[in-house]
N, C-alpha and C. Protein backbone atom coordinates (compact mmCIF):
# COMPACT_ATOMS: atom_id res chain seq x y z
N MET A 1 0.86 -1.18 0.00
CA MET A 1 0.00 0.00 0.00
C MET A 1 0.90 1.24 0.00
N THR A 2 0.59 2.16 -0.87
CA THR A 2 1.40 3.36 -0.98
C THR A 2 1.00 4.38 0.09
N VAL A 3 1.82 5.37 0.23
CA VAL A 3 1.55 6.42 1.21
C VAL A 3 0.28 7.18 0.83
N TRP A 4 0.09 7.40 -0.47
CA TRP A 4 -1.09 8.12 -0.94
C TRP A 4 -2.37 7.39 -0.55
N LEU A 5 -2.41 6.07 -0.71
CA LEU A 5 -3.59 5.30 -0.35
C LEU A 5 -3.82 5.31 1.17
N GLN A 6 -2.76 5.33 1.94
CA GLN A 6 -2.90 5.41 3.39
C GLN A 6 -3.49 6.76 3.80
N VAL A 7 -3.06 7.82 3.15
CA VAL A 7 -3.59 9.15 3.44
C VAL A 7 -5.07 9.22 3.08
N VAL A 8 -5.43 8.67 1.92
CA VAL A 8 -6.83 8.69 1.49
C VAL A 8 -7.69 7.84 2.43
N ASP A 9 -7.19 6.68 2.84
CA ASP A 9 -7.94 5.84 3.77
C ASP A 9 -8.11 6.52 5.13
N THR A 10 -7.08 7.19 5.59
CA THR A 10 -7.17 7.92 6.86
C THR A 10 -8.16 9.07 6.76
N ALA A 11 -8.13 9.80 5.64
CA ALA A 11 -9.11 10.88 5.45
C ALA A 11 -10.52 10.32 5.39
N GLY A 12 -10.70 9.17 4.75
CA GLY A 12 -12.02 8.54 4.71
C GLY A 12 -12.50 8.14 6.09
N ALA A 13 -11.60 7.61 6.91
CA ALA A 13 -11.97 7.22 8.26
C ALA A 13 -12.33 8.44 9.11
N VAL A 14 -11.58 9.53 8.93
CA VAL A 14 -11.88 10.76 9.67
C VAL A 14 -13.24 11.31 9.26
N LEU A 15 -13.53 11.30 7.96
CA LEU A 15 -14.84 11.78 7.50
C LEU A 15 -15.97 10.90 8.02
N LEU A 16 -15.76 9.59 8.04
CA LEU A 16 -16.76 8.70 8.61
C LEU A 16 -17.02 9.01 10.08
N PHE A 17 -15.96 9.22 10.84
CA PHE A 17 -16.10 9.53 12.26
C PHE A 17 -16.79 10.87 12.47
N LEU A 18 -16.40 11.89 11.71
CA LEU A 18 -17.02 13.21 11.85
C LEU A 18 -18.50 13.17 11.46
N GLY A 19 -18.83 12.46 10.39
CA GLY A 19 -20.22 12.34 9.98
C GLY A 19 -21.06 11.63 11.01
N ALA A 20 -20.51 10.56 11.59
CA ALA A 20 -21.25 9.84 12.63
C ALA A 20 -21.42 10.70 13.88
N ALA A 21 -20.41 11.48 14.22
CA ALA A 21 -20.51 12.35 15.39
C ALA A 21 -21.55 13.45 15.17
N ILE A 22 -21.61 14.01 13.98
CA ILE A 22 -22.60 15.05 13.69
C ILE A 22 -24.00 14.46 13.71
N CYS A 23 -24.16 13.26 13.16
CA CYS A 23 -25.47 12.59 13.22
C CYS A 23 -25.88 12.31 14.67
N LEU A 24 -24.92 11.92 15.50
CA LEU A 24 -25.21 11.69 16.92
C LEU A 24 -25.65 12.98 17.59
N LEU A 25 -25.00 14.09 17.28
CA LEU A 25 -25.41 15.38 17.85
C LEU A 25 -26.82 15.76 17.40
N GLY A 26 -27.17 15.44 16.17
CA GLY A 26 -28.52 15.70 15.70
C GLY A 26 -29.55 14.89 16.46
N VAL A 27 -29.25 13.64 16.73
CA VAL A 27 -30.17 12.78 17.50
C VAL A 27 -30.31 13.30 18.92
N ILE A 28 -29.21 13.71 19.53
CA ILE A 28 -29.29 14.26 20.88
C ILE A 28 -30.13 15.54 20.88
N GLY A 29 -29.98 16.35 19.84
CA GLY A 29 -30.80 17.56 19.72
C GLY A 29 -32.27 17.23 19.57
N MET A 30 -32.58 16.18 18.82
CA MET A 30 -33.98 15.78 18.67
C MET A 30 -34.58 15.33 19.99
N LEU A 31 -33.78 14.71 20.82
CA LEU A 31 -34.27 14.23 22.11
C LEU A 31 -34.37 15.33 23.15
N ARG A 32 -33.51 16.32 23.08
CA ARG A 32 -33.43 17.32 24.14
C ARG A 32 -34.16 18.63 23.86
N LEU A 33 -34.39 18.95 22.61
CA LEU A 33 -35.01 20.24 22.31
C LEU A 33 -36.50 20.22 22.63
N PRO A 34 -37.07 21.36 23.00
CA PRO A 34 -38.41 21.37 23.57
C PRO A 34 -39.58 21.34 22.59
N ASP A 35 -39.46 21.98 21.43
CA ASP A 35 -40.64 22.12 20.58
C ASP A 35 -40.43 21.49 19.20
N VAL A 36 -41.50 21.43 18.45
CA VAL A 36 -41.50 20.75 17.15
C VAL A 36 -40.57 21.42 16.15
N LEU A 37 -40.57 22.73 16.11
CA LEU A 37 -39.75 23.44 15.13
C LEU A 37 -38.26 23.24 15.41
N SER A 38 -37.88 23.29 16.66
CA SER A 38 -36.47 23.05 17.01
C SER A 38 -36.07 21.62 16.71
N ARG A 39 -36.95 20.69 16.99
CA ARG A 39 -36.65 19.28 16.71
C ARG A 39 -36.55 19.02 15.22
N SER A 40 -37.41 19.66 14.43
CA SER A 40 -37.32 19.45 12.98
C SER A 40 -36.02 20.04 12.43
N HIS A 41 -35.56 21.12 13.03
CA HIS A 41 -34.26 21.69 12.64
C HIS A 41 -33.14 20.71 12.97
N ALA A 42 -33.20 20.14 14.18
CA ALA A 42 -32.17 19.19 14.59
C ALA A 42 -32.26 17.89 13.81
N ALA A 43 -33.42 17.60 13.25
CA ALA A 43 -33.57 16.36 12.49
C ALA A 43 -32.98 16.47 11.10
N THR A 44 -32.90 17.65 10.54
CA THR A 44 -32.46 17.74 9.15
C THR A 44 -31.07 18.35 8.96
N LYS A 45 -30.78 19.44 9.61
CA LYS A 45 -29.50 20.11 9.35
C LYS A 45 -28.31 19.21 9.66
N PRO A 46 -28.17 18.73 10.89
CA PRO A 46 -27.00 17.89 11.16
C PRO A 46 -27.08 16.52 10.48
N GLN A 47 -28.28 15.99 10.32
CA GLN A 47 -28.40 14.68 9.69
C GLN A 47 -27.96 14.72 8.23
N THR A 48 -28.34 15.77 7.53
CA THR A 48 -27.95 15.88 6.12
C THR A 48 -26.44 16.08 6.00
N LEU A 49 -25.87 16.95 6.80
CA LEU A 49 -24.43 17.17 6.76
C LEU A 49 -23.69 15.91 7.19
N GLY A 50 -24.16 15.26 8.24
CA GLY A 50 -23.52 14.03 8.70
C GLY A 50 -23.57 12.94 7.65
N MET A 51 -24.71 12.81 6.98
CA MET A 51 -24.83 11.80 5.93
C MET A 51 -23.89 12.10 4.77
N ILE A 52 -23.75 13.36 4.40
CA ILE A 52 -22.85 13.72 3.31
C ILE A 52 -21.40 13.40 3.70
N LEU A 53 -21.02 13.68 4.94
CA LEU A 53 -19.65 13.36 5.38
C LEU A 53 -19.42 11.85 5.42
N VAL A 54 -20.40 11.10 5.88
CA VAL A 54 -20.27 9.64 5.88
C VAL A 54 -20.13 9.11 4.45
N LEU A 55 -20.95 9.63 3.55
CA LEU A 55 -20.86 9.19 2.17
C LEU A 55 -19.52 9.57 1.53
N ALA A 56 -19.00 10.74 1.88
CA ALA A 56 -17.70 11.15 1.36
C ALA A 56 -16.60 10.23 1.90
N GLY A 57 -16.71 9.86 3.18
CA GLY A 57 -15.74 8.93 3.75
C GLY A 57 -15.81 7.56 3.10
N VAL A 58 -17.02 7.08 2.85
CA VAL A 58 -17.18 5.79 2.18
C VAL A 58 -16.65 5.87 0.75
N ALA A 59 -16.88 6.99 0.08
CA ALA A 59 -16.39 7.16 -1.29
C ALA A 59 -14.86 7.13 -1.33
N LEU A 60 -14.21 7.71 -0.33
CA LEU A 60 -12.75 7.67 -0.29
C LEU A 60 -12.23 6.26 -0.04
N ARG A 61 -13.01 5.46 0.65
CA ARG A 61 -12.57 4.10 0.93
C ARG A 61 -12.85 3.15 -0.22
N LEU A 62 -13.95 3.34 -0.96
CA LEU A 62 -14.33 2.38 -2.00
C LEU A 62 -13.60 2.59 -3.32
N ARG A 63 -13.61 3.81 -3.82
CA ARG A 63 -12.88 4.21 -5.04
C ARG A 63 -13.31 3.52 -6.32
N SER A 64 -14.50 2.97 -6.37
CA SER A 64 -14.99 2.32 -7.59
C SER A 64 -15.98 3.24 -8.29
N GLY A 65 -15.99 3.23 -9.60
CA GLY A 65 -16.85 4.14 -10.36
C GLY A 65 -18.33 3.92 -10.09
N MET A 66 -18.78 2.68 -10.09
CA MET A 66 -20.18 2.38 -9.85
C MET A 66 -20.57 2.72 -8.41
N ASP A 67 -19.67 2.44 -7.47
CA ASP A 67 -19.94 2.78 -6.07
C ASP A 67 -20.04 4.28 -5.87
N LEU A 68 -19.18 5.04 -6.54
CA LEU A 68 -19.21 6.50 -6.42
C LEU A 68 -20.49 7.07 -7.01
N ALA A 69 -20.95 6.49 -8.12
CA ALA A 69 -22.21 6.95 -8.71
C ALA A 69 -23.39 6.65 -7.79
N THR A 70 -23.38 5.49 -7.16
CA THR A 70 -24.44 5.14 -6.22
C THR A 70 -24.42 6.07 -5.01
N LEU A 71 -23.24 6.36 -4.49
CA LEU A 71 -23.12 7.27 -3.35
C LEU A 71 -23.56 8.69 -3.73
N ALA A 72 -23.28 9.10 -4.95
CA ALA A 72 -23.72 10.43 -5.40
C ALA A 72 -25.24 10.49 -5.48
N LEU A 73 -25.87 9.42 -5.94
CA LEU A 73 -27.34 9.38 -5.96
C LEU A 73 -27.92 9.41 -4.55
N ILE A 74 -27.31 8.69 -3.65
CA ILE A 74 -27.77 8.70 -2.26
C ILE A 74 -27.67 10.11 -1.67
N ALA A 75 -26.55 10.77 -1.91
CA ALA A 75 -26.36 12.13 -1.40
C ALA A 75 -27.38 13.09 -2.01
N PHE A 76 -27.64 12.96 -3.30
CA PHE A 76 -28.61 13.82 -3.97
C PHE A 76 -30.00 13.65 -3.36
N PHE A 77 -30.44 12.42 -3.23
CA PHE A 77 -31.78 12.20 -2.71
C PHE A 77 -31.88 12.52 -1.22
N GLN A 78 -30.81 12.35 -0.48
CA GLN A 78 -30.82 12.74 0.93
C GLN A 78 -30.97 14.26 1.05
N MET A 79 -30.24 15.00 0.23
CA MET A 79 -30.33 16.46 0.29
C MET A 79 -31.66 16.96 -0.25
N LEU A 80 -32.30 16.19 -1.11
CA LEU A 80 -33.57 16.59 -1.68
C LEU A 80 -34.74 16.29 -0.74
N THR A 81 -34.77 15.11 -0.15
CA THR A 81 -35.94 14.68 0.61
C THR A 81 -35.92 15.06 2.07
N GLY A 82 -34.75 15.11 2.70
CA GLY A 82 -34.69 15.40 4.14
C GLY A 82 -35.25 16.76 4.52
N PRO A 83 -34.76 17.85 3.96
CA PRO A 83 -35.29 19.17 4.30
C PRO A 83 -36.76 19.36 3.90
N VAL A 84 -37.16 18.76 2.78
CA VAL A 84 -38.56 18.89 2.36
C VAL A 84 -39.48 18.19 3.35
N ALA A 85 -39.10 17.00 3.79
CA ALA A 85 -39.91 16.28 4.77
C ALA A 85 -39.99 17.04 6.09
N SER A 86 -38.88 17.62 6.51
CA SER A 86 -38.89 18.40 7.75
C SER A 86 -39.78 19.63 7.62
N HIS A 87 -39.74 20.27 6.46
CA HIS A 87 -40.59 21.43 6.23
C HIS A 87 -42.07 21.04 6.31
N LEU A 88 -42.42 19.91 5.73
CA LEU A 88 -43.80 19.45 5.77
C LEU A 88 -44.25 19.10 7.18
N VAL A 89 -43.37 18.50 7.96
CA VAL A 89 -43.70 18.18 9.36
C VAL A 89 -43.90 19.47 10.15
N ALA A 90 -43.01 20.44 9.97
CA ALA A 90 -43.13 21.71 10.69
C ALA A 90 -44.39 22.46 10.27
N ARG A 91 -44.72 22.43 9.00
CA ARG A 91 -45.91 23.13 8.53
C ARG A 91 -47.18 22.47 9.05
N SER A 92 -47.21 21.13 9.08
CA SER A 92 -48.40 20.46 9.62
C SER A 92 -48.50 20.67 11.12
N ALA A 93 -47.37 20.77 11.82
CA ALA A 93 -47.42 21.08 13.25
C ALA A 93 -47.96 22.49 13.46
N TYR A 94 -47.60 23.41 12.59
CA TYR A 94 -48.11 24.78 12.70
C TYR A 94 -49.62 24.80 12.48
N ARG A 95 -50.06 24.10 11.44
CA ARG A 95 -51.48 24.12 11.10
C ARG A 95 -52.35 23.42 12.14
N THR A 96 -51.81 22.44 12.84
CA THR A 96 -52.59 21.73 13.85
C THR A 96 -52.48 22.37 15.23
N GLY A 97 -51.78 23.49 15.32
CA GLY A 97 -51.72 24.24 16.58
C GLY A 97 -50.72 23.72 17.58
N GLN A 98 -49.71 22.99 17.15
CA GLN A 98 -48.71 22.46 18.07
C GLN A 98 -47.50 23.38 18.21
N VAL A 99 -47.56 24.56 17.58
CA VAL A 99 -46.47 25.53 17.64
C VAL A 99 -46.92 26.68 18.52
N ASP A 100 -46.07 27.05 19.48
CA ASP A 100 -46.36 28.20 20.34
C ASP A 100 -46.02 29.47 19.58
N HIS A 101 -47.04 30.26 19.27
CA HIS A 101 -46.83 31.45 18.45
C HIS A 101 -46.06 32.55 19.17
N ASP A 102 -45.99 32.49 20.50
CA ASP A 102 -45.22 33.49 21.25
C ASP A 102 -43.72 33.31 21.06
N ASP A 103 -43.29 32.08 20.73
CA ASP A 103 -41.87 31.82 20.54
C ASP A 103 -41.37 32.22 19.16
N LEU A 104 -42.26 32.49 18.23
CA LEU A 104 -41.87 32.83 16.87
C LEU A 104 -41.48 34.31 16.78
N LEU A 105 -40.38 34.60 16.12
CA LEU A 105 -39.97 35.99 15.94
C LEU A 105 -40.78 36.65 14.84
N PHE A 106 -41.03 35.91 13.76
CA PHE A 106 -41.77 36.43 12.63
C PHE A 106 -42.64 35.31 12.09
N ASP A 107 -43.91 35.60 11.86
CA ASP A 107 -44.86 34.56 11.46
C ASP A 107 -45.49 34.93 10.12
N GLU A 108 -44.93 34.39 9.04
CA GLU A 108 -45.46 34.67 7.71
C GLU A 108 -46.71 33.85 7.41
N LEU A 109 -46.85 32.70 8.01
CA LEU A 109 -48.00 31.85 7.71
C LEU A 109 -49.29 32.38 8.31
N ASP A 110 -49.21 33.14 9.39
CA ASP A 110 -50.42 33.66 10.00
C ASP A 110 -51.18 34.56 9.04
N GLU A 111 -50.45 35.38 8.30
CA GLU A 111 -51.09 36.27 7.32
C GLU A 111 -51.71 35.47 6.18
N GLN A 112 -51.06 34.40 5.76
CA GLN A 112 -51.58 33.59 4.65
C GLN A 112 -52.79 32.78 5.06
N LEU A 113 -52.83 32.31 6.28
CA LEU A 113 -53.92 31.43 6.70
C LEU A 113 -55.16 32.22 7.12
N THR A 114 -54.99 33.47 7.56
CA THR A 114 -56.13 34.25 8.00
C THR A 114 -56.62 35.22 6.92
N GLU A 115 -56.03 35.15 5.77
CA GLU A 115 -56.38 36.07 4.67
C GLU A 115 -57.78 35.73 4.12
N GLU A 116 -58.57 36.77 3.89
CA GLU A 116 -59.91 36.57 3.34
C GLU A 116 -59.83 36.25 1.86
N LYS A 117 -60.66 35.32 1.40
CA LYS A 117 -60.62 34.93 0.00
C LYS A 117 -61.85 35.41 -0.72
């Protein structure tokens, strides 16, 4: 094994560890934060970044063309679906009255939902 491959493998291992640590912090945030909006933030921001770092670490370890294409598709769909799902959960929580309106700094949905048609 050459020095270059050892460096790449070490960088892959570091990225895997960092991604797993960020995902763990996101899970801890989901368990500890008090309201739905904060939890939805903790569910998507660190999870998406952590998943991207894990996939980058795996890509550095695998180095195969088909594997890299599969990992790129996984990253694309993770970045596409995670934030959208969180937005839908937060919006449905708002509409069902599970959001404390006193905690919001600015409420754009209130004007849209109470608007006369």
